[in-house]
């Protein structure tokens, strides 16, 4: 909360880098950047076959009104943490994109 525009851009870039590297990302208190990952969360990937490296997957990542393709490693995982008290305020289509677990 209270992130500046530059902090949001840096957070989006860090998550994109993790997607490229195949790391697991845990997103908490990131409501203001969820829309940047619309295609990623919907698993809307573009596949590009590379004869030397095999298939590569890309998802569009948005920063404001601009979007760019970001490579997504097949082992990349994203965990979005939402407080139980905030779940009822989350849009149902957003929640439907994820497996849900109560901790």
Protein backbone atom coordinates (compact mmCIF):
# COMPACT_ATOMS: atom_id res chain seq x y z
CA UNK A 1 0.00 0.00 0.00
CA UNK A 2 1.10 3.54 -0.74
CA UNK A 3 3.54 2.42 -3.43
CA UNK A 4 4.79 5.06 -5.78
CA UNK A 5 4.59 4.56 -9.54
CA UNK A 6 8.30 3.70 -9.68
CA UNK A 7 7.92 1.09 -6.92
CA UNK A 8 5.04 -0.52 -8.84
CA UNK A 9 7.15 -0.67 -11.99
CA UNK A 10 10.04 -2.22 -10.06
CA UNK A 11 7.72 -4.82 -8.48
CA UNK A 12 6.22 -5.72 -11.86
CA UNK A 13 9.73 -6.01 -13.35
CA UNK A 14 10.88 -8.26 -10.48
CA UNK A 15 7.89 -10.57 -10.96
CA UNK A 16 8.53 -10.66 -14.71
CA UNK A 17 12.18 -11.57 -14.05
CA UNK A 18 11.03 -14.38 -11.74
CA UNK A 19 8.70 -15.66 -14.48
CA UNK A 20 11.64 -15.78 -16.90
CA UNK A 21 13.84 -17.63 -14.40
CA UNK A 22 11.14 -20.10 -13.29
CA UNK A 23 11.05 -19.01 -9.65
CA UNK A 24 8.05 -19.11 -7.33
CA UNK A 25 6.64 -15.69 -6.43
CA UNK A 26 4.47 -14.92 -3.42
CA UNK A 27 2.38 -11.80 -3.93
CA UNK A 28 0.84 -10.20 -0.83
CA UNK A 29 -0.74 -6.75 -0.61
CA UNK A 30 -0.32 -6.34 -4.35
CA UNK A 31 -3.91 -5.54 -5.36
CA UNK A 32 -2.82 -2.43 -7.26
CA UNK A 33 -0.70 -4.43 -9.73
CA UNK A 34 -2.86 -7.52 -10.26
CA UNK A 35 -4.28 -6.08 -13.48
CA UNK A 36 -0.74 -5.99 -14.93
CA UNK A 37 -0.71 -9.79 -14.92
CA UNK A 38 -4.13 -10.39 -16.50
CA UNK A 39 -2.81 -12.65 -19.29
CA UNK A 40 -0.39 -14.42 -16.98
CA UNK A 41 -3.07 -15.19 -14.38
CA UNK A 42 -5.42 -16.37 -17.14
CA UNK A 43 -2.65 -18.59 -18.50
CA UNK A 44 -2.99 -16.89 -21.86
CA UNK A 45 0.40 -17.80 -23.28
CA UNK A 46 1.83 -17.46 -26.74
CA UNK A 47 4.03 -20.39 -27.71
CA UNK A 48 7.05 -19.86 -29.91
CA UNK A 49 8.93 -22.94 -31.06
CA UNK A 50 12.71 -22.63 -31.05
CA UNK A 51 14.53 -25.45 -32.85
CA UNK A 52 17.56 -25.16 -30.55
CA UNK A 53 15.85 -24.60 -27.18
CA UNK A 54 12.41 -26.08 -27.62
CA UNK A 55 9.12 -24.25 -27.02
CA UNK A 56 9.12 -20.90 -25.24
CA UNK A 57 6.05 -19.33 -23.67
CA UNK A 58 5.20 -15.64 -23.43
CA UNK A 59 2.44 -13.70 -21.65
CA UNK A 60 1.73 -10.00 -22.00
CA UNK A 61 2.57 -7.99 -18.89
CA UNK A 62 1.08 -4.50 -18.64
CA UNK A 63 2.57 -1.41 -17.09
CA UNK A 64 -0.12 1.23 -17.22
CA UNK A 65 -1.49 1.44 -20.76
CA UNK A 66 1.54 -0.32 -22.24
CA UNK A 67 2.12 -4.05 -22.39
CA UNK A 68 5.03 -6.18 -23.47
CA UNK A 69 5.57 -9.90 -23.84
CA UNK A 70 7.39 -11.57 -20.97
CA UNK A 71 8.87 -15.04 -21.31
CA UNK A 72 7.38 -17.47 -18.79
CA UNK A 73 9.42 -20.47 -17.70
CA UNK A 74 7.33 -23.68 -17.49
CA UNK A 75 8.23 -24.06 -13.79
CA UNK A 76 7.16 -20.52 -12.82
CA UNK A 77 4.55 -20.42 -10.05
CA UNK A 78 2.72 -17.47 -8.56
CA UNK A 79 1.00 -17.49 -5.18
CA UNK A 80 -1.38 -14.62 -4.44
CA UNK A 81 -2.08 -14.16 -0.72
CA UNK A 82 -5.38 -12.53 0.20
CA UNK A 83 -6.61 -11.98 3.73
CA UNK A 84 -9.80 -13.85 4.57
CA UNK A 85 -11.51 -10.55 5.40
CA UNK A 86 -10.68 -9.22 1.89
CA UNK A 87 -11.80 -12.23 -0.14
CA UNK A 88 -15.44 -11.08 -0.18
CA UNK A 89 -14.33 -7.80 -1.80
CA UNK A 90 -12.32 -9.49 -4.55
CA UNK A 91 -13.99 -9.85 -7.96
CA UNK A 92 -15.18 -13.42 -8.54
CA UNK A 93 -13.53 -13.64 -11.99
CA UNK A 94 -10.18 -12.79 -10.37
CA UNK A 95 -10.60 -15.45 -7.68
CA UNK A 96 -11.66 -18.04 -10.27
CA UNK A 97 -8.22 -17.89 -11.87
CA UNK A 98 -6.56 -19.57 -8.89
CA UNK A 99 -6.60 -22.68 -6.77
CA UNK A 100 -7.75 -21.64 -3.31
CA UNK A 101 -6.36 -22.73 0.03
CA UNK A 102 -7.18 -21.49 3.50
CA UNK A 103 -4.24 -21.15 5.87
